[in-house]
Amino acid sequence: MLTDKFKKNADALLHKKLFLLDMDGTIYNENSIFEGTLDFLSQIEKNGGRYIFITNNSSKSVKDYVEKVNRMGITADASHFYTSSQATAFYLQENYPGQTVFCMGTRSLVAELEQNGIRVVTKPEDSASVVLIGFDTENTSEKVRDTCIMLGRDVAYLATNPDLVCPVSFGYIPDCGSMSIMLKNATGKTPFFIGKPEPIMIDCVLKKLGISKEDTVIVGDRIYTDIACGVNAGVDTICVLSGEATLDDLEKSDTKPTWIFDSVREVCTELAR
């Protein structure tokens, strides 16, 4: 019998056809791949499954991510990814078709949106009816000021993801959620968050691949995004303790994962039995 960290039966993992994998804190930390990640990905395929990386990190385009994981030795192309940037582009197309978007984000995020036919501006413009913020690793005080100017107008307000921090080699840096708090303190406005824990990303991937929720599991290190996303979408979840979440966090949280493992290496060990 397969079991998780607390000896809970995990035999169902053997029959999962799709593993939706968070990235930061789950399979790597910044630029360092976690031990066991490559074996884990290989084992998924050996068991007849497939993996898709779903990340809330909107600072990079899909092309950037493909290049990054390829450098780490992971075999993947654009078909292996679904990001909050892609989900945001889909959401804008569905809910704000033809509207101009003011974006506080990286050049990669802006390019991703433009490639999907969305008109994007990065300076205050009267024509912009939507303000979008992302995890902006290229942020400046001027960009923050311009965003505050736009939020003073009658506009829709969106954010790519609610993550408070992003794990890096020395600890954490502020992510999009923290940037939204900063902007709320200045403007009083709170955005609608598109990425996890909203089920949008999972629903899009399952529809595209034609895979059922019962055949899917999401693997991540954050309770309030990864695990909550799985719960909201109605799919099983694995929380790994290699990133943000701790056992104390899990004990205190009302959102509970289906299974808990120390890392993807331990998940691989069980799958290989």
C-alpha atoms as a PDB file:
ATOM      1  CA  MET A   1       0.000   0.000   0.000  1.00  0.00           C
ATOM      2  CA  LEU A   2       1.231   3.489  -0.893  1.00  0.00           C
ATOM      3  CA  THR A   3       1.198   5.921   2.013  1.00  0.00           C
ATOM      4  CA  ASP A   4       1.942   9.590   2.658  1.00  0.00           C
ATOM      5  CA  LYS A   5       3.965  11.138   5.503  1.00  0.00           C
ATOM      6  CA  PHE A   6       1.286  10.185   8.028  1.00  0.00           C
ATOM      7  CA  LYS A   7       0.680   6.691   6.602  1.00  0.00           C
ATOM      8  CA  LYS A   8      -2.553   7.696   4.885  1.00  0.00           C
ATOM      9  CA  ASN A   9      -3.449   5.389   1.998  1.00  0.00           C
ATOM     10  CA  ALA A  10      -2.240   6.955  -1.260  1.00  0.00           C
ATOM     11  CA  ASP A  11      -2.888   4.064  -3.661  1.00  0.00           C
ATOM     12  CA  ALA A  12      -5.069   6.374  -5.770  1.00  0.00           C
ATOM     13  CA  LEU A  13      -1.911   8.140  -6.963  1.00  0.00           C
ATOM     14  CA  LEU A  14      -1.013   5.095  -9.050  1.00  0.00           C
ATOM     15  CA  HIS A  15      -4.075   5.697 -11.200  1.00  0.00           C
ATOM     16  CA  LYS A  16      -3.739   9.447 -11.699  1.00  0.00           C
ATOM     17  CA  LYS A  17      -3.353  10.403 -15.363  1.00  0.00           C
ATOM     18  CA  LEU A  18      -2.413  14.040 -14.784  1.00  0.00           C
ATOM     19  CA  PHE A  19      -0.101  15.632 -12.222  1.00  0.00           C
ATOM     20  CA  LEU A  20      -0.480  19.415 -12.055  1.00  0.00           C
ATOM     21  CA  LEU A  21       2.763  20.653 -10.536  1.00  0.00           C
ATOM     22  CA  ASP A  22       3.525  23.936  -8.849  1.00  0.00           C
ATOM     23  CA  MET A  23       7.104  25.078  -9.476  1.00  0.00           C
ATOM     24  CA  ASP A  24       8.653  27.486  -6.935  1.00  0.00           C
ATOM     25  CA  GLY A  25       9.092  25.580  -3.678  1.00  0.00           C
ATOM     26  CA  THR A  26       7.807  22.323  -5.173  1.00  0.00           C
ATOM     27  CA  ILE A  27      10.233  21.175  -7.871  1.00  0.00           C
ATOM     28  CA  TYR A  28      12.917  23.831  -7.436  1.00  0.00           C
ATOM     29  CA  ASN A  29      13.987  26.850  -5.376  1.00  0.00           C
ATOM     30  CA  GLU A  30      14.823  29.815  -7.607  1.00  0.00           C
ATOM     31  CA  ASN A  31      17.554  28.312  -9.808  1.00  0.00           C
ATOM     32  CA  SER A  32      18.275  25.098  -7.874  1.00  0.00           C
ATOM     33  CA  ILE A  33      16.330  21.972  -8.748  1.00  0.00           C
ATOM     34  CA  PHE A  34      15.290  19.827  -5.787  1.00  0.00           C
ATOM     35  CA  GLU A  35      16.822  16.399  -5.374  1.00  0.00           C
ATOM     36  CA  GLY A  36      14.446  13.785  -6.734  1.00  0.00           C
ATOM     37  CA  THR A  37      12.569  16.073  -9.129  1.00  0.00           C
ATOM     38  CA  LEU A  38      13.885  14.437 -12.308  1.00  0.00           C
ATOM     39  CA  ASP A  39      13.187  10.960 -10.950  1.00  0.00           C
ATOM     40  CA  PHE A  40       9.689  12.066  -9.936  1.00  0.00           C
ATOM     41  CA  LEU A  41       8.865  13.362 -13.416  1.00  0.00           C
ATOM     42  CA  SER A  42      10.238  10.199 -14.982  1.00  0.00           C
ATOM     43  CA  GLN A  43       8.216   8.012 -12.619  1.00  0.00           C
ATOM     44  CA  ILE A  44       4.988   9.809 -13.509  1.00  0.00           C
ATOM     45  CA  GLU A  45       5.528   8.912 -17.155  1.00  0.00           C
ATOM     46  CA  LYS A  46       6.557   5.341 -16.312  1.00  0.00           C
ATOM     47  CA  ASN A  47       3.232   4.957 -14.539  1.00  0.00           C
ATOM     48  CA  GLY A  48       1.400   6.104 -17.666  1.00  0.00           C
ATOM     49  CA  GLY A  49       0.686   9.651 -16.528  1.00  0.00           C
ATOM     50  CA  ARG A  50       1.702  13.103 -17.688  1.00  0.00           C
ATOM     51  CA  TYR A  51       2.676  16.318 -15.946  1.00  0.00           C
ATOM     52  CA  ILE A  52       1.815  19.969 -16.505  1.00  0.00           C
ATOM     53  CA  PHE A  53       3.501  22.797 -14.613  1.00  0.00           C
ATOM     54  CA  ILE A  54       0.984  25.331 -13.316  1.00  0.00           C
ATOM     55  CA  THR A  55       2.544  28.349 -11.700  1.00  0.00           C
ATOM     56  CA  ASN A  56       1.237  31.580 -10.223  1.00  0.00           C
ATOM     57  CA  ASN A  57       4.551  33.268 -10.989  1.00  0.00           C
ATOM     58  CA  SER A  58       3.714  35.774 -13.730  1.00  0.00           C
ATOM     59  CA  SER A  59       7.176  37.318 -13.941  1.00  0.00           C
ATOM     60  CA  LYS A  60       8.226  34.967 -16.763  1.00  0.00           C
ATOM     61  CA  SER A  61       6.655  33.971 -20.065  1.00  0.00           C
ATOM     62  CA  VAL A  62       6.121  30.339 -21.054  1.00  0.00           C
ATOM     63  CA  LYS A  63       9.170  30.636 -23.317  1.00  0.00           C
ATOM     64  CA  ASP A  64      11.228  31.832 -20.340  1.00  0.00           C
ATOM     65  CA  TYR A  65      10.030  28.906 -18.229  1.00  0.00           C
ATOM     66  CA  VAL A  66      10.778  26.338 -20.916  1.00  0.00           C
ATOM     67  CA  GLU A  67      14.325  27.642 -21.177  1.00  0.00           C
ATOM     68  CA  LYS A  68      14.717  27.667 -17.381  1.00  0.00           C
ATOM     69  CA  VAL A  69      13.598  24.100 -16.748  1.00  0.00           C
ATOM     70  CA  ASN A  70      15.504  22.821 -19.777  1.00  0.00           C
ATOM     71  CA  ARG A  71      18.676  24.253 -18.219  1.00  0.00           C
ATOM     72  CA  MET A  72      17.849  22.245 -15.084  1.00  0.00           C
ATOM     73  CA  GLY A  73      17.669  19.047 -17.115  1.00  0.00           C
ATOM     74  CA  ILE A  74      13.877  18.817 -17.265  1.00  0.00           C
ATOM     75  CA  THR A  75      12.457  17.683 -20.587  1.00  0.00           C
ATOM     76  CA  ALA A  76       9.589  20.054 -21.330  1.00  0.00           C
ATOM     77  CA  ASP A  77       8.191  22.350 -23.996  1.00  0.00           C
ATOM     78  CA  ALA A  78       5.397  24.918 -24.079  1.00  0.00           C
ATOM     79  CA  SER A  79       2.757  22.166 -23.905  1.00  0.00           C
ATOM     80  CA  HIS A  80       3.963  21.299 -20.385  1.00  0.00           C
ATOM     81  CA  PHE A  81       3.037  24.720 -18.948  1.00  0.00           C
ATOM     82  CA  TYR A  82       0.019  26.694 -17.903  1.00  0.00           C
ATOM     83  CA  THR A  83       0.812  29.923 -16.075  1.00  0.00           C
ATOM     84  CA  SER A  84      -1.154  32.655 -14.349  1.00  0.00           C
ATOM     85  CA  SER A  85      -0.115  34.866 -17.277  1.00  0.00           C
ATOM     86  CA  GLN A  86      -1.894  32.533 -19.712  1.00  0.00           C
ATOM     87  CA  ALA A  87      -4.911  32.290 -17.406  1.00  0.00           C
ATOM     88  CA  THR A  88      -4.981  36.085 -17.163  1.00  0.00           C
ATOM     89  CA  ALA A  89      -4.901  36.468 -20.943  1.00  0.00           C
ATOM     90  CA  PHE A  90      -7.784  33.983 -21.216  1.00  0.00           C
ATOM     91  CA  TYR A  91      -9.752  35.812 -18.509  1.00  0.00           C
ATOM     92  CA  LEU A  92      -9.233  39.189 -20.181  1.00  0.00           C
ATOM     93  CA  GLN A  93     -10.330  37.821 -23.556  1.00  0.00           C
ATOM     94  CA  GLU A  94     -13.453  36.309 -22.011  1.00  0.00           C
ATOM     95  CA  ASN A  95     -14.473  39.179 -19.736  1.00  0.00           C
ATOM     96  CA  TYR A  96     -12.922  42.355 -21.186  1.00  0.00           C
ATOM     97  CA  PRO A  97     -12.699  41.729 -24.951  1.00  0.00           C
ATOM     98  CA  GLY A  98     -11.170  44.575 -26.941  1.00  0.00           C
ATOM     99  CA  GLN A  99     -10.400  46.676 -23.864  1.00  0.00           C
ATOM    100  CA  THR A 100      -7.055  48.353 -23.197  1.00  0.00           C
ATOM    101  CA  VAL A 101      -5.153  47.051 -20.164  1.00  0.00           C
ATOM    102  CA  PHE A 102      -2.747  49.063 -18.043  1.00  0.00           C
ATOM    103  CA  CYS A 103      -0.187  46.580 -16.702  1.00  0.00           C
ATOM    104  CA  MET A 104       2.235  46.799 -13.805  1.00  0.00           C
ATOM    105  CA  GLY A 105       4.313  43.744 -14.584  1.00  0.00           C
ATOM    106  CA  THR A 106       7.443  42.440 -16.221  1.00  0.00           C
ATOM    107  CA  ARG A 107       8.221  42.808 -19.902  1.00  0.00           C
ATOM    108  CA  SER A 108       7.581  39.063 -20.209  1.00  0.00           C
ATOM    109  CA  LEU A 109       4.047  39.448 -18.841  1.00  0.00           C
ATOM    110  CA  VAL A 110       3.327  42.351 -21.180  1.00  0.00           C
ATOM    111  CA  ALA A 111       4.629  40.331 -24.143  1.00  0.00           C
ATOM    112  CA  GLU A 112       2.516  37.320 -23.155  1.00  0.00           C
ATOM    113  CA  LEU A 113      -0.630  39.450 -23.112  1.00  0.00           C
ATOM    114  CA  GLU A 114       0.200  41.168 -26.403  1.00  0.00           C
ATOM    115  CA  GLN A 115       0.837  37.809 -28.080  1.00  0.00           C
ATOM    116  CA  ASN A 116      -2.730  36.915 -27.143  1.00  0.00           C
ATOM    117  CA  GLY A 117      -4.092  39.963 -28.934  1.00  0.00           C
ATOM    118  CA  ILE A 118      -4.552  42.197 -25.884  1.00  0.00           C
ATOM    119  CA  ARG A 119      -3.705  45.889 -26.135  1.00  0.00           C
ATOM    120  CA  VAL A 120      -1.407  46.738 -23.217  1.00  0.00           C
ATOM    121  CA  VAL A 121      -0.091  50.077 -21.975  1.00  0.00           C
ATOM    122  CA  THR A 122       2.455  50.661 -19.221  1.00  0.00           C
ATOM    123  CA  LYS A 123       1.872  54.393 -18.790  1.00  0.00           C
ATOM    124  CA  PRO A 124      -1.366  56.050 -17.621  1.00  0.00           C
ATOM    125  CA  GLU A 125      -3.800  56.392 -20.517  1.00  0.00           C
ATOM    126  CA  ASP A 126      -7.434  57.480 -20.604  1.00  0.00           C
ATOM    127  CA  SER A 127      -8.167  54.596 -22.976  1.00  0.00           C
ATOM    128  CA  ALA A 128      -7.239  51.947 -20.381  1.00  0.00           C
ATOM    129  CA  SER A 129     -10.296  50.525 -18.619  1.00  0.00           C
ATOM    130  CA  VAL A 130      -8.540  47.639 -16.835  1.00  0.00           C
ATOM    131  CA  VAL A 131      -5.617  47.727 -14.408  1.00  0.00           C
ATOM    132  CA  LEU A 132      -3.615  44.527 -14.065  1.00  0.00           C
ATOM    133  CA  ILE A 133      -0.753  43.870 -11.667  1.00  0.00           C
ATOM    134  CA  GLY A 134       1.566  40.870 -11.686  1.00  0.00           C
ATOM    135  CA  PHE A 135       4.612  39.631  -9.816  1.00  0.00           C
ATOM    136  CA  ASP A 136       6.817  42.467 -11.034  1.00  0.00           C
ATOM    137  CA  THR A 137      10.492  41.673 -10.517  1.00  0.00           C
ATOM    138  CA  GLU A 138      11.311  44.771 -12.575  1.00  0.00           C
ATOM    139  CA  ASN A 139       9.281  47.143 -10.434  1.00  0.00           C
ATOM    140  CA  THR A 140      10.202  50.789  -9.859  1.00  0.00           C
ATOM    141  CA  SER A 141       8.752  53.631  -7.796  1.00  0.00           C
ATOM    142  CA  GLU A 142       7.631  55.252 -11.054  1.00  0.00           C
ATOM    143  CA  LYS A 143       5.635  52.159 -12.022  1.00  0.00           C
ATOM    144  CA  VAL A 144       3.997  52.082  -8.571  1.00  0.00           C
ATOM    145  CA  ARG A 145       3.109  55.762  -8.886  1.00  0.00           C
ATOM    146  CA  ASP A 146       1.606  55.250 -12.354  1.00  0.00           C
ATOM    147  CA  THR A 147      -0.452  52.313 -11.057  1.00  0.00           C
ATOM    148  CA  CYS A 148      -1.801  54.441  -8.214  1.00  0.00           C
ATOM    149  CA  ILE A 149      -2.773  57.094 -10.756  1.00  0.00           C
ATOM    150  CA  MET A 150      -4.728  54.516 -12.739  1.00  0.00           C
ATOM    151  CA  LEU A 151      -6.388  53.054  -9.646  1.00  0.00           C
ATOM    152  CA  GLY A 152      -7.715  56.509  -8.854  1.00  0.00           C
ATOM    153  CA  ARG A 153      -9.939  56.167 -11.915  1.00  0.00           C
ATOM    154  CA  ASP A 154     -13.063  54.102 -12.628  1.00  0.00           C
ATOM    155  CA  VAL A 155     -11.344  50.927 -13.840  1.00  0.00           C
ATOM    156  CA  ALA A 156     -11.576  47.172 -13.365  1.00  0.00           C
ATOM    157  CA  TYR A 157      -8.736  45.930 -11.167  1.00  0.00           C
ATOM    158  CA  LEU A 158      -7.151  42.489 -11.603  1.00  0.00           C
ATOM    159  CA  ALA A 159      -4.055  40.685 -10.331  1.00  0.00           C
ATOM    160  CA  THR A 160      -2.373  37.599 -11.728  1.00  0.00           C
ATOM    161  CA  ASN A 161      -1.940  35.844  -8.357  1.00  0.00           C
ATOM    162  CA  PRO A 162      -2.367  36.313  -4.591  1.00  0.00           C
ATOM    163  CA  ASP A 163       0.976  34.816  -3.458  1.00  0.00           C
ATOM    164  CA  LEU A 164       2.468  36.906  -0.659  1.00  0.00           C
ATOM    165  CA  VAL A 165       6.053  35.750  -1.184  1.00  0.00           C
ATOM    166  CA  CYS A 166       8.221  33.967  -3.728  1.00  0.00           C
ATOM    167  CA  PRO A 167      10.926  31.585  -2.454  1.00  0.00           C
ATOM    168  CA  VAL A 168      14.516  32.457  -3.408  1.00  0.00           C
ATOM    169  CA  SER A 169      17.948  31.169  -2.412  1.00  0.00           C
ATOM    170  CA  PHE A 170      18.163  33.291   0.754  1.00  0.00           C
ATOM    171  CA  GLY A 171      14.525  33.071   1.861  1.00  0.00           C
ATOM    172  CA  TYR A 172      11.617  35.005   0.319  1.00  0.00           C
ATOM    173  CA  ILE A 173      10.852  38.177  -1.621  1.00  0.00           C
ATOM    174  CA  PRO A 174       7.476  39.976  -1.939  1.00  0.00           C
ATOM    175  CA  ASP A 175       5.185  38.480  -4.585  1.00  0.00           C
ATOM    176  CA  CYS A 176       2.077  39.879  -6.272  1.00  0.00           C
ATOM    177  CA  GLY A 177      -0.117  39.490  -3.180  1.00  0.00           C
ATOM    178  CA  SER A 178       2.217  41.663  -1.140  1.00  0.00           C
ATOM    179  CA  MET A 179       2.352  44.227  -3.942  1.00  0.00           C
ATOM    180  CA  SER A 180      -1.451  44.357  -3.915  1.00  0.00           C
ATOM    181  CA  ILE A 181      -1.416  45.061  -0.161  1.00  0.00           C
ATOM    182  CA  MET A 182       0.998  47.923  -0.724  1.00  0.00           C
ATOM    183  CA  LEU A 183      -1.292  49.365  -3.393  1.00  0.00           C
ATOM    184  CA  LYS A 184      -4.371  48.879  -1.203  1.00  0.00           C
ATOM    185  CA  ASN A 185      -2.708  50.897   1.553  1.00  0.00           C
ATOM    186  CA  ALA A 186      -2.262  53.727  -0.948  1.00  0.00           C
ATOM    187  CA  THR A 187      -5.519  53.507  -2.920  1.00  0.00           C
ATOM    188  CA  GLY A 188      -7.993  51.518  -0.806  1.00  0.00           C
ATOM    189  CA  LYS A 189      -8.581  49.109  -3.708  1.00  0.00           C
ATOM    190  CA  THR A 190      -8.236  45.320  -3.782  1.00  0.00           C
ATOM    191  CA  PRO A 191      -7.937  43.358  -7.047  1.00  0.00           C
ATOM    192  CA  PHE A 192      -9.685  40.231  -8.242  1.00  0.00           C
ATOM    193  CA  PHE A 193      -7.022  37.507  -8.268  1.00  0.00           C
ATOM    194  CA  ILE A 194      -6.974  35.226 -11.314  1.00  0.00           C
ATOM    195  CA  GLY A 195      -4.391  32.543 -10.490  1.00  0.00           C
ATOM    196  CA  LYS A 196      -4.542  29.892  -7.795  1.00  0.00           C
ATOM    197  CA  PRO A 197      -6.633  29.458  -5.610  1.00  0.00           C
ATOM    198  CA  GLU A 198      -9.219  30.331  -8.262  1.00  0.00           C
ATOM    199  CA  PRO A 199     -10.007  27.114 -10.203  1.00  0.00           C
ATOM    200  CA  ILE A 200      -9.596  28.877 -13.575  1.00  0.00           C
ATOM    201  CA  MET A 201      -6.158  27.398 -14.346  1.00  0.00           C
ATOM    202  CA  ILE A 202      -7.133  23.814 -13.498  1.00  0.00           C
ATOM    203  CA  ASP A 203     -10.426  24.033 -15.368  1.00  0.00           C
ATOM    204  CA  CYS A 204      -8.675  25.342 -18.485  1.00  0.00           C
ATOM    205  CA  VAL A 205      -6.057  22.575 -18.476  1.00  0.00           C
ATOM    206  CA  LEU A 206      -8.573  19.765 -17.901  1.00  0.00           C
ATOM    207  CA  LYS A 207     -10.831  21.068 -20.652  1.00  0.00           C
ATOM    208  CA  LYS A 208      -7.920  21.352 -23.052  1.00  0.00           C
ATOM    209  CA  LEU A 209      -6.612  17.843 -22.338  1.00  0.00           C
ATOM    210  CA  GLY A 210      -9.968  16.110 -21.896  1.00  0.00           C
ATOM    211  CA  ILE A 211      -8.964  14.634 -18.522  1.00  0.00           C
ATOM    212  CA  SER A 212     -11.390  14.214 -15.626  1.00  0.00           C
ATOM    213  CA  LYS A 213     -11.013  15.707 -12.164  1.00  0.00           C
ATOM    214  CA  GLU A 214     -10.931  12.208 -10.686  1.00  0.00           C
ATOM    215  CA  ASP A 215      -7.841  11.404 -12.765  1.00  0.00           C
ATOM    216  CA  THR A 216      -6.010  14.558 -11.661  1.00  0.00           C
ATOM    217  CA  VAL A 217      -3.889  15.591  -8.668  1.00  0.00           C
ATOM    218  CA  ILE A 218      -2.272  18.943  -7.930  1.00  0.00           C
ATOM    219  CA  VAL A 219       1.093  19.058  -6.140  1.00  0.00           C
ATOM    220  CA  GLY A 220       2.239  22.222  -4.379  1.00  0.00           C
ATOM    221  CA  ASP A 221       3.802  23.792  -1.305  1.00  0.00           C
ATOM    222  CA  ARG A 222       1.259  26.516  -0.433  1.00  0.00           C
ATOM    223  CA  ILE A 223      -2.003  25.945   1.363  1.00  0.00           C
ATOM    224  CA  TYR A 224      -3.727  29.175   0.336  1.00  0.00           C
ATOM    225  CA  THR A 225      -2.937  28.840  -3.374  1.00  0.00           C
ATOM    226  CA  ASP A 226      -2.022  25.306  -4.499  1.00  0.00           C
ATOM    227  CA  ILE A 227      -4.066  23.262  -2.049  1.00  0.00           C
ATOM    228  CA  ALA A 228      -6.982  25.706  -1.986  1.00  0.00           C
ATOM    229  CA  CYS A 229      -7.012  25.672  -5.792  1.00  0.00           C
ATOM    230  CA  GLY A 230      -7.348  21.896  -5.826  1.00  0.00           C
ATOM    231  CA  VAL A 231     -10.135  22.036  -3.263  1.00  0.00           C
ATOM    232  CA  ASN A 232     -11.960  24.751  -5.227  1.00  0.00           C
ATOM    233  CA  ALA A 233     -11.597  22.779  -8.464  1.00  0.00           C
ATOM    234  CA  GLY A 234     -12.615  19.477  -6.899  1.00  0.00           C
ATOM    235  CA  VAL A 235      -9.361  17.573  -7.484  1.00  0.00           C
ATOM    236  CA  ASP A 236      -7.077  15.674  -5.102  1.00  0.00           C
ATOM    237  CA  THR A 237      -4.073  17.496  -3.662  1.00  0.00           C
ATOM    238  CA  ILE A 238      -0.576  16.784  -2.368  1.00  0.00           C
ATOM    239  CA  CYS A 239       1.097  19.308  -0.092  1.00  0.00           C
ATOM    240  CA  VAL A 240       4.891  19.038  -0.054  1.00  0.00           C
ATOM    241  CA  LEU A 241       6.862  20.530   2.828  1.00  0.00           C
ATOM    242  CA  SER A 242       9.789  21.685   0.658  1.00  0.00           C
ATOM    243  CA  GLY A 243       8.544  25.261   0.312  1.00  0.00           C
ATOM    244  CA  GLU A 244       6.300  27.639   2.225  1.00  0.00           C
ATOM    245  CA  ALA A 245       3.849  25.415   4.138  1.00  0.00           C
ATOM    246  CA  THR A 246       4.839  23.846   7.447  1.00  0.00           C
ATOM    247  CA  LEU A 247       3.158  21.146   9.494  1.00  0.00           C
ATOM    248  CA  ASP A 248       2.073  23.839  11.937  1.00  0.00           C
ATOM    249  CA  ASP A 249       0.451  25.765   9.073  1.00  0.00           C
ATOM    250  CA  LEU A 250      -1.379  22.645   7.946  1.00  0.00           C
ATOM    251  CA  GLU A 251      -2.611  21.902  11.446  1.00  0.00           C
ATOM    252  CA  LYS A 252      -4.018  25.413  11.845  1.00  0.00           C
ATOM    253  CA  SER A 253      -5.541  25.688   8.381  1.00  0.00           C
ATOM    254  CA  ASP A 254      -9.144  24.822   7.546  1.00  0.00           C
ATOM    255  CA  THR A 255      -7.949  23.917   4.041  1.00  0.00           C
ATOM    256  CA  LYS A 256      -6.604  20.375   4.111  1.00  0.00           C
ATOM    257  CA  PRO A 257      -4.665  18.500   1.405  1.00  0.00           C
ATOM    258  CA  THR A 258      -5.568  14.955   0.438  1.00  0.00           C
ATOM    259  CA  TRP A 259      -1.999  13.822   1.151  1.00  0.00           C
ATOM    260  CA  ILE A 260       1.144  15.283   2.759  1.00  0.00           C
ATOM    261  CA  PHE A 261       4.722  14.446   1.741  1.00  0.00           C
ATOM    262  CA  ASP A 262       8.062  15.972   2.702  1.00  0.00           C
ATOM    263  CA  SER A 263       9.000  16.496  -0.950  1.00  0.00           C
ATOM    264  CA  VAL A 264       8.439  15.229  -4.488  1.00  0.00           C
ATOM    265  CA  ARG A 265      11.302  12.816  -3.863  1.00  0.00           C
ATOM    266  CA  GLU A 266       9.147  11.036  -1.268  1.00  0.00           C
ATOM    267  CA  VAL A 267       6.191  11.026  -3.667  1.00  0.00           C
ATOM    268  CA  CYS A 268       8.448   9.401  -6.255  1.00  0.00           C
ATOM    269  CA  THR A 269       9.543   6.739  -3.773  1.00  0.00           C
ATOM    270  CA  GLU A 270       5.923   5.743  -3.205  1.00  0.00           C
ATOM    271  CA  LEU A 271       5.040   5.801  -6.902  1.00  0.00           C
ATOM    272  CA  ALA A 272       8.011   3.537  -7.668  1.00  0.00           C
ATOM    273  CA  ARG A 273       6.945   0.790  -5.257  1.00  0.00           C
END
